[in-house]
Amino acid sequence: MRRGGPVVGESLSKRRATLESIAGKGEPVMESKLIVDHTEIDSNGFLTGRASDDAHPVHELWAQTRSLESRANSREIEALELHAEFDAERRSRLLAESRELRDQAEALRQLLRATTPGSIGS
């Protein structure tokens, strides 16, 4: 809930953000909290690439797919930056997580391909 702006009193913000980024700007709505990966947060602490709570289910599937891909990329980049000899176990775990996230994203893409084009606007 943010204070001020064009609406007198408090209004519900359309953007989700970290608690740190909204400090002093309004009150957090804890019922809307999400657990996200650091790659889904922009430099200002706002969530990127996710559909809103009232989005059409197909849009939410696309947002979930992008989130999974972003998280997979993050794990893979981190793994490739590790020294293979000294961090073999962590590197292996991160690469396995990346593969699992990519598999989940592919399952969502298959579900999206099965969705009829006419259902997006309904």
PDB file of N, CA and C in Angstrom:
ATOM      1  N   MET A   1       0.860  -1.164   0.000  1.00  0.00           N
ATOM      2  CA  MET A   1       0.000   0.000   0.000  1.00  0.00           C
ATOM      3  C   MET A   1       0.905   1.226   0.000  1.00  0.00           C
ATOM      4  N   ARG A   2       0.722   2.095  -0.961  1.00  0.00           N
ATOM      5  CA  ARG A   2       1.552   3.292  -1.009  1.00  0.00           C
ATOM      6  C   ARG A   2       0.730   4.517  -0.626  1.00  0.00           C
ATOM      7  N   ARG A   3       1.449   5.472  -0.073  1.00  0.00           N
ATOM      8  CA  ARG A   3       0.817   6.714   0.364  1.00  0.00           C
ATOM      9  C   ARG A   3       0.983   7.775  -0.709  1.00  0.00           C
ATOM     10  N   GLY A   4       0.021   8.679  -0.791  1.00  0.00           N
ATOM     11  CA  GLY A   4       0.146   9.832  -1.678  1.00  0.00           C
ATOM     12  C   GLY A   4      -0.068   9.484  -3.126  1.00  0.00           C
ATOM     13  N   GLY A   5       0.534  10.282  -3.987  1.00  0.00           N
ATOM     14  CA  GLY A   5       0.356  10.087  -5.420  1.00  0.00           C
ATOM     15  C   GLY A   5      -0.943  10.702  -5.876  1.00  0.00           C
ATOM     16  N   PRO A   6      -1.448  10.276  -7.039  1.00  0.00           N
ATOM     17  CA  PRO A   6      -2.669  10.872  -7.577  1.00  0.00           C
ATOM     18  C   PRO A   6      -3.917  10.546  -6.747  1.00  0.00           C
ATOM     19  N   VAL A   7      -3.849   9.478  -5.951  1.00  0.00           N
ATOM     20  CA  VAL A   7      -4.995   9.084  -5.133  1.00  0.00           C
ATOM     21  C   VAL A   7      -4.765   9.581  -3.711  1.00  0.00           C
ATOM     22  N   VAL A   8      -5.762  10.218  -3.136  1.00  0.00           N
ATOM     23  CA  VAL A   8      -5.667  10.687  -1.758  1.00  0.00           C
ATOM     24  C   VAL A   8      -5.738   9.467  -0.842  1.00  0.00           C
ATOM     25  N   GLY A   9      -4.868   9.424   0.145  1.00  0.00           N
ATOM     26  CA  GLY A   9      -4.842   8.296   1.063  1.00  0.00           C
ATOM     27  C   GLY A   9      -3.885   7.228   0.585  1.00  0.00           C
ATOM     28  N   GLU A  10      -4.279   5.967   0.733  1.00  0.00           N
ATOM     29  CA  GLU A  10      -3.432   4.856   0.340  1.00  0.00           C
ATOM     30  C   GLU A  10      -4.008   4.157  -0.880  1.00  0.00           C
ATOM     31  N   SER A  11      -3.126   3.626  -1.716  1.00  0.00           N
ATOM     32  CA  SER A  11      -3.555   2.840  -2.867  1.00  0.00           C
ATOM     33  C   SER A  11      -2.644   1.633  -2.992  1.00  0.00           C
ATOM     34  N   LEU A  12      -3.157   0.599  -3.596  1.00  0.00           N
ATOM     35  CA  LEU A  12      -2.391  -0.624  -3.783  1.00  0.00           C
ATOM     36  C   LEU A  12      -1.509  -0.475  -5.009  1.00  0.00           C
ATOM     37  N   SER A  13      -0.215  -0.642  -4.826  1.00  0.00           N
ATOM     38  CA  SER A  13       0.729  -0.538  -5.933  1.00  0.00           C
ATOM     39  C   SER A  13       0.550  -1.720  -6.877  1.00  0.00           C
ATOM     40  N   LYS A  14       0.772  -1.487  -8.160  1.00  0.00           N
ATOM     41  CA  LYS A  14       0.689  -2.545  -9.170  1.00  0.00           C
ATOM     42  C   LYS A  14       1.974  -3.358  -9.237  1.00  0.00           C
ATOM     43  N   ARG A  15       3.056  -2.839  -8.648  1.00  0.00           N
ATOM     44  CA  ARG A  15       4.356  -3.492  -8.736  1.00  0.00           C
ATOM     45  C   ARG A  15       4.750  -4.105  -7.405  1.00  0.00           C
ATOM     46  N   ARG A  16       5.273  -5.309  -7.459  1.00  0.00           N
ATOM     47  CA  ARG A  16       5.796  -5.955  -6.256  1.00  0.00           C
ATOM     48  C   ARG A  16       7.251  -5.537  -6.085  1.00  0.00           C
ATOM     49  N   ALA A  17       7.676  -5.435  -4.832  1.00  0.00           N
ATOM     50  CA  ALA A  17       9.044  -5.004  -4.553  1.00  0.00           C
ATOM     51  C   ALA A  17       9.534  -5.649  -3.264  1.00  0.00           C
ATOM     52  N   THR A  18      10.837  -5.570  -3.052  1.00  0.00           N
ATOM     53  CA  THR A  18      11.408  -6.075  -1.805  1.00  0.00           C
ATOM     54  C   THR A  18      11.014  -5.152  -0.665  1.00  0.00           C
ATOM     55  N   LEU A  19      11.065  -5.678   0.535  1.00  0.00           N
ATOM     56  CA  LEU A  19      10.728  -4.867   1.708  1.00  0.00           C
ATOM     57  C   LEU A  19      11.665  -3.665   1.820  1.00  0.00           C
ATOM     58  N   GLU A  20      12.937  -3.879   1.473  1.00  0.00           N
ATOM     59  CA  GLU A  20      13.908  -2.792   1.558  1.00  0.00           C
ATOM     60  C   GLU A  20      13.568  -1.660   0.593  1.00  0.00           C
ATOM     61  N   SER A  21      13.111  -1.997  -0.599  1.00  0.00           N
ATOM     62  CA  SER A  21      12.864  -0.955  -1.601  1.00  0.00           C
ATOM     63  C   SER A  21      11.602  -0.144  -1.326  1.00  0.00           C
ATOM     64  N   ILE A  22      10.677  -0.679  -0.549  1.00  0.00           N
ATOM     65  CA  ILE A  22       9.457   0.072  -0.265  1.00  0.00           C
ATOM     66  C   ILE A  22       9.487   0.748   1.102  1.00  0.00           C
ATOM     67  N   ALA A  23      10.586   0.561   1.831  1.00  0.00           N
ATOM     68  CA  ALA A  23      10.705   1.181   3.158  1.00  0.00           C
ATOM     69  C   ALA A  23      10.502   2.688   3.038  1.00  0.00           C
ATOM     70  N   GLY A  24       9.586   3.228   3.830  1.00  0.00           N
ATOM     71  CA  GLY A  24       9.310   4.653   3.838  1.00  0.00           C
ATOM     72  C   GLY A  24       8.355   5.114   2.748  1.00  0.00           C
ATOM     73  N   LYS A  25       8.004   4.221   1.825  1.00  0.00           N
ATOM     74  CA  LYS A  25       7.116   4.602   0.729  1.00  0.00           C
ATOM     75  C   LYS A  25       5.691   4.100   0.937  1.00  0.00           C
ATOM     76  N   GLY A  26       5.530   3.162   1.848  1.00  0.00           N
ATOM     77  CA  GLY A  26       4.215   2.592   2.086  1.00  0.00           C
ATOM     78  C   GLY A  26       4.323   1.391   2.996  1.00  0.00           C
ATOM     79  N   GLU A  27       3.230   0.675   3.133  1.00  0.00           N
ATOM     80  CA  GLU A  27       3.182  -0.498   3.989  1.00  0.00           C
ATOM     81  C   GLU A  27       3.150  -1.758   3.134  1.00  0.00           C
ATOM     82  N   PRO A  28       3.945  -2.770   3.482  1.00  0.00           N
ATOM     83  CA  PRO A  28       3.920  -4.013   2.710  1.00  0.00           C
ATOM     84  C   PRO A  28       2.609  -4.771   2.921  1.00  0.00           C
ATOM     85  N   VAL A  29       2.163  -5.424   1.877  1.00  0.00           N
ATOM     86  CA  VAL A  29       0.989  -6.301   1.955  1.00  0.00           C
ATOM     87  C   VAL A  29       1.554  -7.725   2.028  1.00  0.00           C
ATOM     88  N   MET A  30       1.716  -8.215   3.241  1.00  0.00           N
ATOM     89  CA  MET A  30       2.405  -9.479   3.447  1.00  0.00           C
ATOM     90  C   MET A  30       1.656 -10.668   2.840  1.00  0.00           C
ATOM     91  N   GLU A  31       0.354 -10.530   2.650  1.00  0.00           N
ATOM     92  CA  GLU A  31      -0.415 -11.614   2.032  1.00  0.00           C
ATOM     93  C   GLU A  31      -0.009 -11.831   0.573  1.00  0.00           C
ATOM     94  N   SER A  32       0.643 -10.845  -0.026  1.00  0.00           N
ATOM     95  CA  SER A  32       1.040 -10.953  -1.432  1.00  0.00           C
ATOM     96  C   SER A  32       2.499 -11.367  -1.597  1.00  0.00           C
ATOM     97  N   LYS A  33       3.147 -11.751  -0.514  1.00  0.00           N
ATOM     98  CA  LYS A  33       4.575 -12.052  -0.596  1.00  0.00           C
ATOM     99  C   LYS A  33       4.845 -13.250  -1.506  1.00  0.00           C
ATOM    100  N   LEU A  34       5.993 -13.191  -2.150  1.00  0.00           N
ATOM    101  CA  LEU A  34       6.463 -14.250  -3.038  1.00  0.00           C
ATOM    102  C   LEU A  34       7.905 -14.568  -2.703  1.00  0.00           C
ATOM    103  N   ILE A  35       8.303 -15.786  -2.972  1.00  0.00           N
ATOM    104  CA  ILE A  35       9.706 -16.148  -2.890  1.00  0.00           C
ATOM    105  C   ILE A  35      10.221 -16.127  -4.322  1.00  0.00           C
ATOM    106  N   VAL A  36      11.243 -15.309  -4.575  1.00  0.00           N
ATOM    107  CA  VAL A  36      11.777 -15.160  -5.921  1.00  0.00           C
ATOM    108  C   VAL A  36      13.291 -15.301  -5.904  1.00  0.00           C
ATOM    109  N   ASP A  37      13.828 -15.511  -7.058  1.00  0.00           N
ATOM    110  CA  ASP A  37      15.263 -15.587  -7.252  1.00  0.00           C
ATOM    111  C   ASP A  37      15.806 -14.170  -7.426  1.00  0.00           C
ATOM    112  N   HIS A  38      17.044 -13.946  -7.036  1.00  0.00           N
ATOM    113  CA  HIS A  38      17.631 -12.603  -7.152  1.00  0.00           C
ATOM    114  C   HIS A  38      17.657 -12.108  -8.597  1.00  0.00           C
ATOM    115  N   THR A  39      17.623 -13.012  -9.564  1.00  0.00           N
ATOM    116  CA  THR A  39      17.644 -12.593 -10.971  1.00  0.00           C
ATOM    117  C   THR A  39      16.312 -11.996 -11.407  1.00  0.00           C
ATOM    118  N   GLU A  40      15.270 -12.136 -10.585  1.00  0.00           N
ATOM    119  CA  GLU A  40      13.950 -11.600 -10.919  1.00  0.00           C
ATOM    120  C   GLU A  40      13.708 -10.210 -10.330  1.00  0.00           C
ATOM    121  N   ILE A  41      14.731  -9.651  -9.691  1.00  0.00           N
ATOM    122  CA  ILE A  41      14.618  -8.347  -9.049  1.00  0.00           C
ATOM    123  C   ILE A  41      15.482  -7.357  -9.810  1.00  0.00           C
ATOM    124  N   ASP A  42      14.908  -6.192 -10.157  1.00  0.00           N
ATOM    125  CA  ASP A  42      15.705  -5.181 -10.864  1.00  0.00           C
ATOM    126  C   ASP A  42      16.577  -4.413  -9.877  1.00  0.00           C
ATOM    127  N   SER A  43      17.393  -3.499 -10.385  1.00  0.00           N
ATOM    128  CA  SER A  43      18.345  -2.769  -9.547  1.00  0.00           C
ATOM    129  C   SER A  43      17.666  -1.874  -8.512  1.00  0.00           C
ATOM    130  N   ASN A  44      16.380  -1.581  -8.697  1.00  0.00           N
ATOM    131  CA  ASN A  44      15.629  -0.771  -7.732  1.00  0.00           C
ATOM    132  C   ASN A  44      14.858  -1.622  -6.726  1.00  0.00           C
ATOM    133  N   GLY A  45      14.974  -2.945  -6.831  1.00  0.00           N
ATOM    134  CA  GLY A  45      14.296  -3.826  -5.888  1.00  0.00           C
ATOM    135  C   GLY A  45      12.894  -4.222  -6.289  1.00  0.00           C
ATOM    136  N   PHE A  46      12.509  -3.974  -7.539  1.00  0.00           N
ATOM    137  CA  PHE A  46      11.176  -4.331  -8.018  1.00  0.00           C
ATOM    138  C   PHE A  46      11.212  -5.627  -8.800  1.00  0.00           C
ATOM    139  N   LEU A  47      10.150  -6.401  -8.672  1.00  0.00           N
ATOM    140  CA  LEU A  47      10.018  -7.668  -9.367  1.00  0.00           C
ATOM    141  C   LEU A  47       9.832  -7.429 -10.859  1.00  0.00           C
ATOM    142  N   THR A  48      10.536  -8.191 -11.663  1.00  0.00           N
ATOM    143  CA  THR A  48      10.427  -8.080 -13.116  1.00  0.00           C
ATOM    144  C   THR A  48       9.921  -9.391 -13.696  1.00  0.00           C
ATOM    145  N   GLY A  49       9.287  -9.300 -14.847  1.00  0.00           N
ATOM    146  CA  GLY A  49       8.954 -10.495 -15.608  1.00  0.00           C
ATOM    147  C   GLY A  49       7.868 -11.383 -15.064  1.00  0.00           C
ATOM    148  N   ARG A  50       7.065 -10.901 -14.151  1.00  0.00           N
ATOM    149  CA  ARG A  50       5.970 -11.711 -13.621  1.00  0.00           C
ATOM    150  C   ARG A  50       4.643 -11.065 -13.964  1.00  0.00           C
ATOM    151  N   ALA A  51       3.643 -11.898 -14.152  1.00  0.00           N
ATOM    152  CA  ALA A  51       2.289 -11.388 -14.402  1.00  0.00           C
ATOM    153  C   ALA A  51       1.691 -10.909 -13.084  1.00  0.00           C
ATOM    154  N   SER A  52       0.703 -10.064 -13.171  1.00  0.00           N
ATOM    155  CA  SER A  52       0.023  -9.589 -11.973  1.00  0.00           C
ATOM    156  C   SER A  52      -0.913 -10.676 -11.451  1.00  0.00           C
ATOM    157  N   ASP A  53      -1.419 -10.473 -10.242  1.00  0.00           N
ATOM    158  CA  ASP A  53      -2.294 -11.471  -9.627  1.00  0.00           C
ATOM    159  C   ASP A  53      -3.572 -11.697 -10.421  1.00  0.00           C
ATOM    160  N   ASP A  54      -4.031 -10.672 -11.144  1.00  0.00           N
ATOM    161  CA  ASP A  54      -5.278 -10.807 -11.888  1.00  0.00           C
ATOM    162  C   ASP A  54      -5.042 -11.113 -13.370  1.00  0.00           C
ATOM    163  N   ALA A  55      -3.842 -11.576 -13.710  1.00  0.00           N
ATOM    164  CA  ALA A  55      -3.508 -11.870 -15.105  1.00  0.00           C
ATOM    165  C   ALA A  55      -4.228 -13.130 -15.576  1.00  0.00           C
ATOM    166  N   HIS A  56      -4.415 -13.207 -16.886  1.00  0.00           N
ATOM    167  CA  HIS A  56      -4.996 -14.397 -17.510  1.00  0.00           C
ATOM    168  C   HIS A  56      -4.055 -15.580 -17.252  1.00  0.00           C
ATOM    169  N   PRO A  57      -4.582 -16.783 -17.031  1.00  0.00           N
ATOM    170  CA  PRO A  57      -3.734 -17.944 -16.752  1.00  0.00           C
ATOM    171  C   PRO A  57      -2.642 -18.195 -17.797  1.00  0.00           C
ATOM    172  N   VAL A  58      -2.903 -17.931 -19.061  1.00  0.00           N
ATOM    173  CA  VAL A  58      -1.879 -18.131 -20.092  1.00  0.00           C
ATOM    174  C   VAL A  58      -0.726 -17.150 -19.881  1.00  0.00           C
ATOM    175  N   HIS A  59      -1.037 -15.908 -19.524  1.00  0.00           N
ATOM    176  CA  HIS A  59       0.012 -14.928 -19.263  1.00  0.00           C
ATOM    177  C   HIS A  59       0.831 -15.344 -18.040  1.00  0.00           C
ATOM    178  N   GLU A  60       0.164 -15.899 -17.057  1.00  0.00           N
ATOM    179  CA  GLU A  60       0.869 -16.372 -15.864  1.00  0.00           C
ATOM    180  C   GLU A  60       1.802 -17.526 -16.224  1.00  0.00           C
ATOM    181  N   LEU A  61       1.379 -18.415 -17.120  1.00  0.00           N
ATOM    182  CA  LEU A  61       2.255 -19.510 -17.553  1.00  0.00           C
ATOM    183  C   LEU A  61       3.501 -18.972 -18.258  1.00  0.00           C
ATOM    184  N   TRP A  62       3.319 -17.961 -19.108  1.00  0.00           N
ATOM    185  CA  TRP A  62       4.478 -17.351 -19.784  1.00  0.00           C
ATOM    186  C   TRP A  62       5.406 -16.729 -18.745  1.00  0.00           C
ATOM    187  N   ALA A  63       4.855 -16.054 -17.760  1.00  0.00           N
ATOM    188  CA  ALA A  63       5.667 -15.421 -16.723  1.00  0.00           C
ATOM    189  C   ALA A  63       6.421 -16.472 -15.915  1.00  0.00           C
ATOM    190  N   GLN A  64       5.762 -17.561 -15.581  1.00  0.00           N
ATOM    191  CA  GLN A  64       6.423 -18.638 -14.849  1.00  0.00           C
ATOM    192  C   GLN A  64       7.546 -19.248 -15.674  1.00  0.00           C
ATOM    193  N   THR A  65       7.308 -19.399 -16.974  1.00  0.00           N
ATOM    194  CA  THR A  65       8.331 -19.949 -17.862  1.00  0.00           C
ATOM    195  C   THR A  65       9.553 -19.040 -17.885  1.00  0.00           C
ATOM    196  N   ARG A  66       9.343 -17.733 -18.045  1.00  0.00           N
ATOM    197  CA  ARG A  66      10.460 -16.782 -18.043  1.00  0.00           C
ATOM    198  C   ARG A  66      11.204 -16.816 -16.714  1.00  0.00           C
ATOM    199  N   SER A  67      10.473 -16.929 -15.618  1.00  0.00           N
ATOM    200  CA  SER A  67      11.096 -16.988 -14.307  1.00  0.00           C
ATOM    201  C   SER A  67      11.972 -18.238 -14.182  1.00  0.00           C
ATOM    202  N   LEU A  68      11.461 -19.370 -14.603  1.00  0.00           N
ATOM    203  CA  LEU A  68      12.234 -20.613 -14.545  1.00  0.00           C
ATOM    204  C   LEU A  68      13.489 -20.513 -15.398  1.00  0.00           C
ATOM    205  N   GLU A  69      13.365 -19.952 -16.595  1.00  0.00           N
ATOM    206  CA  GLU A  69      14.527 -19.811 -17.479  1.00  0.00           C
ATOM    207  C   GLU A  69      15.562 -18.865 -16.883  1.00  0.00           C
ATOM    208  N   SER A  70      15.106 -17.791 -16.287  1.00  0.00           N
ATOM    209  CA  SER A  70      16.014 -16.834 -15.655  1.00  0.00           C
ATOM    210  C   SER A  70      16.770 -17.486 -14.510  1.00  0.00           C
ATOM    211  N   ARG A  71      16.063 -18.232 -13.706  1.00  0.00           N
ATOM    212  CA  ARG A  71      16.696 -18.920 -12.580  1.00  0.00           C
ATOM    213  C   ARG A  71      17.664 -19.990 -13.066  1.00  0.00           C
ATOM    214  N   ALA A  72      17.315 -20.710 -14.136  1.00  0.00           N
ATOM    215  CA  ALA A  72      18.210 -21.727 -14.706  1.00  0.00           C
ATOM    216  C   ALA A  72      19.489 -21.070 -15.207  1.00  0.00           C
ATOM    217  N   ASN A  73      19.351 -19.953 -15.915  1.00  0.00           N
ATOM    218  CA  ASN A  73      20.533 -19.232 -16.412  1.00  0.00           C
ATOM    219  C   ASN A  73      21.419 -18.782 -15.263  1.00  0.00           C
ATOM    220  N   SER A  74      20.807 -18.285 -14.203  1.00  0.00           N
ATOM    221  CA  SER A  74      21.552 -17.818 -13.042  1.00  0.00           C
ATOM    222  C   SER A  74      22.375 -18.952 -12.431  1.00  0.00           C
ATOM    223  N   ARG A  75      21.751 -20.117 -12.250  1.00  0.00           N
ATOM    224  CA  ARG A  75      22.460 -21.273 -11.673  1.00  0.00           C
ATOM    225  C   ARG A  75      23.611 -21.713 -12.584  1.00  0.00           C
ATOM    226  N   GLU A  76      23.346 -21.739 -13.889  1.00  0.00           N
ATOM    227  CA  GLU A  76      24.366 -22.185 -14.836  1.00  0.00           C
ATOM    228  C   GLU A  76      25.557 -21.227 -14.859  1.00  0.00           C
ATOM    229  N   ILE A  77      25.291 -19.938 -14.881  1.00  0.00           N
ATOM    230  CA  ILE A  77      26.375 -18.946 -14.869  1.00  0.00           C
ATOM    231  C   ILE A  77      27.204 -19.082 -13.605  1.00  0.00           C
ATOM    232  N   GLU A  78      26.519 -19.219 -12.465  1.00  0.00           N
ATOM    233  CA  GLU A  78      27.243 -19.377 -11.199  1.00  0.00           C
ATOM    234  C   GLU A  78      28.103 -20.633 -11.220  1.00  0.00           C
ATOM    235  N   ALA A  79      27.563 -21.730 -11.738  1.00  0.00           N
ATOM    236  CA  ALA A  79      28.311 -22.991 -11.798  1.00  0.00           C
ATOM    237  C   ALA A  79      29.540 -22.865 -12.685  1.00  0.00           C
ATOM    238  N   LEU A  80      29.398 -22.215 -13.811  1.00  0.00           N
ATOM    239  CA  LEU A  80      30.513 -22.091 -14.751  1.00  0.00           C
ATOM    240  C   LEU A  80      31.607 -21.159 -14.232  1.00  0.00           C
ATOM    241  N   GLU A  81      31.263 -20.296 -13.287  1.00  0.00           N
ATOM    242  CA  GLU A  81      32.256 -19.406 -12.690  1.00  0.00           C
ATOM    243  C   GLU A  81      33.055 -20.088 -11.588  1.00  0.00           C
ATOM    244  N   LEU A  82      32.577 -21.230 -11.115  1.00  0.00           N
ATOM    245  CA  LEU A  82      33.282 -21.959 -10.061  1.00  0.00           C
ATOM    246  C   LEU A  82      34.450 -22.735 -10.642  1.00  0.00           C
ATOM    247  N   HIS A  83      35.454 -22.934  -9.836  1.00  0.00           N
ATOM    248  CA  HIS A  83      36.612 -23.732 -10.247  1.00  0.00           C
ATOM    249  C   HIS A  83      36.224 -25.205 -10.146  1.00  0.00           C
ATOM    250  N   ALA A  84      36.267 -25.896 -11.256  1.00  0.00           N
ATOM    251  CA  ALA A  84      35.781 -27.281 -11.333  1.00  0.00           C
ATOM    252  C   ALA A  84      36.471 -28.201 -10.330  1.00  0.00           C
ATOM    253  N   GLU A  85      37.759 -28.014 -10.120  1.00  0.00           N
ATOM    254  CA  GLU A  85      38.512 -28.909  -9.234  1.00  0.00           C
ATOM    255  C   GLU A  85      38.176 -28.691  -7.765  1.00  0.00           C
ATOM    256  N   PHE A  86      38.033 -27.427  -7.354  1.00  0.00           N
ATOM    257  CA  PHE A  86      37.831 -27.115  -5.938  1.00  0.00           C
ATOM    258  C   PHE A  86      36.363 -27.074  -5.536  1.00  0.00           C
ATOM    259  N   ASP A  87      35.486 -26.775  -6.458  1.00  0.00           N
ATOM    260  CA  ASP A  87      34.067 -26.622  -6.153  1.00  0.00           C
ATOM    261  C   ASP A  87      33.210 -27.617  -6.928  1.00  0.00           C
ATOM    262  N   ALA A  88      33.722 -28.814  -7.133  1.00  0.00           N
ATOM    263  CA  ALA A  88      33.047 -29.795  -7.990  1.00  0.00           C
ATOM    264  C   ALA A  88      31.643 -30.134  -7.493  1.00  0.00           C
ATOM    265  N   GLU A  89      31.477 -30.314  -6.199  1.00  0.00           N
ATOM    266  CA  GLU A  89      30.168 -30.700  -5.664  1.00  0.00           C
ATOM    267  C   GLU A  89      29.144 -29.580  -5.850  1.00  0.00           C
ATOM    268  N   ARG A  90      29.522 -28.365  -5.498  1.00  0.00           N
ATOM    269  CA  ARG A  90      28.601 -27.227  -5.661  1.00  0.00           C
ATOM    270  C   ARG A  90      28.298 -26.984  -7.137  1.00  0.00           C
ATOM    271  N   ARG A  91      29.317 -27.081  -7.968  1.00  0.00           N
ATOM    272  CA  ARG A  91      29.132 -26.887  -9.410  1.00  0.00           C
ATOM    273  C   ARG A  91      28.154 -27.926  -9.962  1.00  0.00           C
ATOM    274  N   SER A  92      28.328 -29.168  -9.560  1.00  0.00           N
ATOM    275  CA  SER A  92      27.444 -30.245 -10.004  1.00  0.00           C
ATOM    276  C   SER A  92      26.009 -30.000  -9.553  1.00  0.00           C
ATOM    277  N   ARG A  93      25.842 -29.556  -8.307  1.00  0.00           N
ATOM    278  CA  ARG A  93      24.504 -29.289  -7.767  1.00  0.00           C
ATOM    279  C   ARG A  93      23.828 -28.138  -8.526  1.00  0.00           C
ATOM    280  N   LEU A  94      24.586 -27.075  -8.792  1.00  0.00           N
ATOM    281  CA  LEU A  94      24.029 -25.936  -9.524  1.00  0.00           C
ATOM    282  C   LEU A  94      23.630 -26.323 -10.951  1.00  0.00           C
ATOM    283  N   LEU A  95      24.453 -27.120 -11.611  1.00  0.00           N
ATOM    284  CA  LEU A  95      24.118 -27.562 -12.967  1.00  0.00           C
ATOM    285  C   LEU A  95      22.896 -28.472 -12.967  1.00  0.00           C
ATOM    286  N   ALA A  96      22.772 -29.310 -11.931  1.00  0.00           N
ATOM    287  CA  ALA A  96      21.587 -30.171 -11.815  1.00  0.00           C
ATOM    288  C   ALA A  96      20.330 -29.319 -11.592  1.00  0.00           C
ATOM    289  N   GLU A  97      20.441 -28.284 -10.738  1.00  0.00           N
ATOM    290  CA  GLU A  97      19.310 -27.374 -10.522  1.00  0.00           C
ATOM    291  C   GLU A  97      18.937 -26.667 -11.814  1.00  0.00           C
ATOM    292  N   SER A  98      19.936 -26.244 -12.567  1.00  0.00           N
ATOM    293  CA  SER A  98      19.685 -25.568 -13.834  1.00  0.00           C
ATOM    294  C   SER A  98      18.929 -26.484 -14.792  1.00  0.00           C
ATOM    295  N   ARG A  99      19.369 -27.729 -14.900  1.00  0.00           N
ATOM    296  CA  ARG A  99      18.685 -28.695 -15.778  1.00  0.00           C
ATOM    297  C   ARG A  99      17.245 -28.921 -15.331  1.00  0.00           C
ATOM    298  N   GLU A 100      17.030 -29.039 -14.021  1.00  0.00           N
ATOM    299  CA  GLU A 100      15.679 -29.251 -13.501  1.00  0.00           C
ATOM    300  C   GLU A 100      14.782 -28.052 -13.797  1.00  0.00           C
ATOM    301  N   LEU A 101      15.305 -26.859 -13.601  1.00  0.00           N
ATOM    302  CA  LEU A 101      14.528 -25.654 -13.899  1.00  0.00           C
ATOM    303  C   LEU A 101      14.209 -25.565 -15.388  1.00  0.00           C
ATOM    304  N   ARG A 102      15.162 -25.922 -16.242  1.00  0.00           N
ATOM    305  CA  ARG A 102      14.915 -25.918 -17.692  1.00  0.00           C
ATOM    306  C   ARG A 102      13.869 -26.972 -18.072  1.00  0.00           C
ATOM    307  N   ASP A 103      13.913 -28.121 -17.407  1.00  0.00           N
ATOM    308  CA  ASP A 103      12.896 -29.149 -17.659  1.00  0.00           C
ATOM    309  C   ASP A 103      11.509 -28.645 -17.271  1.00  0.00           C
ATOM    310  N   GLN A 104      11.419 -27.953 -16.141  1.00  0.00           N
ATOM    311  CA  GLN A 104      10.136 -27.391 -15.713  1.00  0.00           C
ATOM    312  C   GLN A 104       9.656 -26.337 -16.703  1.00  0.00           C
ATOM    313  N   ALA A 105      10.583 -25.518 -17.198  1.00  0.00           N
ATOM    314  CA  ALA A 105      10.218 -24.493 -18.179  1.00  0.00           C
ATOM    315  C   ALA A 105       9.732 -25.146 -19.470  1.00  0.00           C
ATOM    316  N   GLU A 106      10.380 -26.211 -19.884  1.00  0.00           N
ATOM    317  CA  GLU A 106       9.965 -26.904 -21.108  1.00  0.00           C
ATOM    318  C   GLU A 106       8.578 -27.523 -20.935  1.00  0.00           C
ATOM    319  N   ALA A 107       8.295 -28.063 -19.758  1.00  0.00           N
ATOM    320  CA  ALA A 107       6.962 -28.618 -19.499  1.00  0.00           C
ATOM    321  C   ALA A 107       5.898 -27.527 -19.611  1.00  0.00           C
ATOM    322  N   LEU A 108       6.201 -26.333 -19.114  1.00  0.00           N
ATOM    323  CA  LEU A 108       5.257 -25.217 -19.240  1.00  0.00           C
ATOM    324  C   LEU A 108       5.111 -24.779 -20.692  1.00  0.00           C
ATOM    325  N   ARG A 109       6.227 -24.764 -21.446  1.00  0.00           N
ATOM    326  CA  ARG A 109       6.151 -24.407 -22.873  1.00  0.00           C
ATOM    327  C   ARG A 109       5.273 -25.397 -23.627  1.00  0.00           C
ATOM    328  N   GLN A 110       5.386 -26.683 -23.298  1.00  0.00           N
ATOM    329  CA  GLN A 110       4.532 -27.693 -23.939  1.00  0.00           C
ATOM    330  C   GLN A 110       3.070 -27.453 -23.603  1.00  0.00           C
ATOM    331  N   LEU A 111       2.804 -27.103 -22.359  1.00  0.00           N
ATOM    332  CA  LEU A 111       1.441 -26.786 -21.948  1.00  0.00           C
ATOM    333  C   LEU A 111       0.927 -25.561 -22.701  1.00  0.00           C
ATOM    334  N   LEU A 112       1.772 -24.566 -22.865  1.00  0.00           N
ATOM    335  CA  LEU A 112       1.390 -23.367 -23.610  1.00  0.00           C
ATOM    336  C   LEU A 112       1.122 -23.678 -25.073  1.00  0.00           C
ATOM    337  N   ARG A 113       1.936 -24.556 -25.687  1.00  0.00           N
ATOM    338  CA  ARG A 113       1.720 -24.930 -27.087  1.00  0.00           C
ATOM    339  C   ARG A 113       0.388 -25.652 -27.252  1.00  0.00           C
ATOM    340  N   ALA A 114      -0.034 -26.367 -26.214  1.00  0.00           N
ATOM    341  CA  ALA A 114      -1.295 -27.099 -26.267  1.00  0.00           C
ATOM    342  C   ALA A 114      -2.500 -26.183 -26.045  1.00  0.00           C
ATOM    343  N   THR A 115      -2.243 -24.969 -25.540  1.00  0.00           N
ATOM    344  CA  THR A 115      -3.309 -24.011 -25.280  1.00  0.00           C
ATOM    345  C   THR A 115      -3.750 -23.404 -26.612  1.00  0.00           C
ATOM    346  N   THR A 116      -5.032 -23.315 -26.806  1.00  0.00           N
ATOM    347  CA  THR A 116      -5.534 -22.752 -28.060  1.00  0.00           C
ATOM    348  C   THR A 116      -5.314 -21.249 -28.103  1.00  0.00           C
ATOM    349  N   PRO A 117      -4.961 -20.695 -29.266  1.00  0.00           N
ATOM    350  CA  PRO A 117      -4.731 -19.254 -29.373  1.00  0.00           C
ATOM    351  C   PRO A 117      -5.942 -18.418 -28.953  1.00  0.00           C
ATOM    352  N   GLY A 118      -7.141 -18.876 -29.166  1.00  0.00           N
ATOM    353  CA  GLY A 118      -8.339 -18.125 -28.807  1.00  0.00           C
ATOM    354  C   GLY A 118      -8.562 -18.005 -27.320  1.00  0.00           C
ATOM    355  N   SER A 119      -7.886 -18.828 -26.513  1.00  0.00           N
ATOM    356  CA  SER A 119      -8.127 -18.797 -25.076  1.00  0.00           C
ATOM    357  C   SER A 119      -7.393 -17.649 -24.387  1.00  0.00           C
ATOM    358  N   ILE A 120      -6.450 -17.006 -25.074  1.00  0.00           N
ATOM    359  CA  ILE A 120      -5.678 -15.943 -24.444  1.00  0.00           C
ATOM    360  C   ILE A 120      -6.535 -14.760 -24.064  1.00  0.00           C
ATOM    361  N   GLY A 121      -7.476 -14.368 -24.888  1.00  0.00           N
ATOM    362  CA  GLY A 121      -8.304 -13.210 -24.582  1.00  0.00           C
ATOM    363  C   GLY A 121      -9.529 -13.511 -23.763  1.00  0.00           C
ATOM    364  N   SER A 122      -9.790 -14.772 -23.443  1.00  0.00           N
ATOM    365  CA  SER A 122     -11.025 -15.106 -22.731  1.00  0.00           C
ATOM    366  C   SER A 122     -10.873 -15.058 -21.243  1.00  0.00           C
TER     367      SER A 122
END
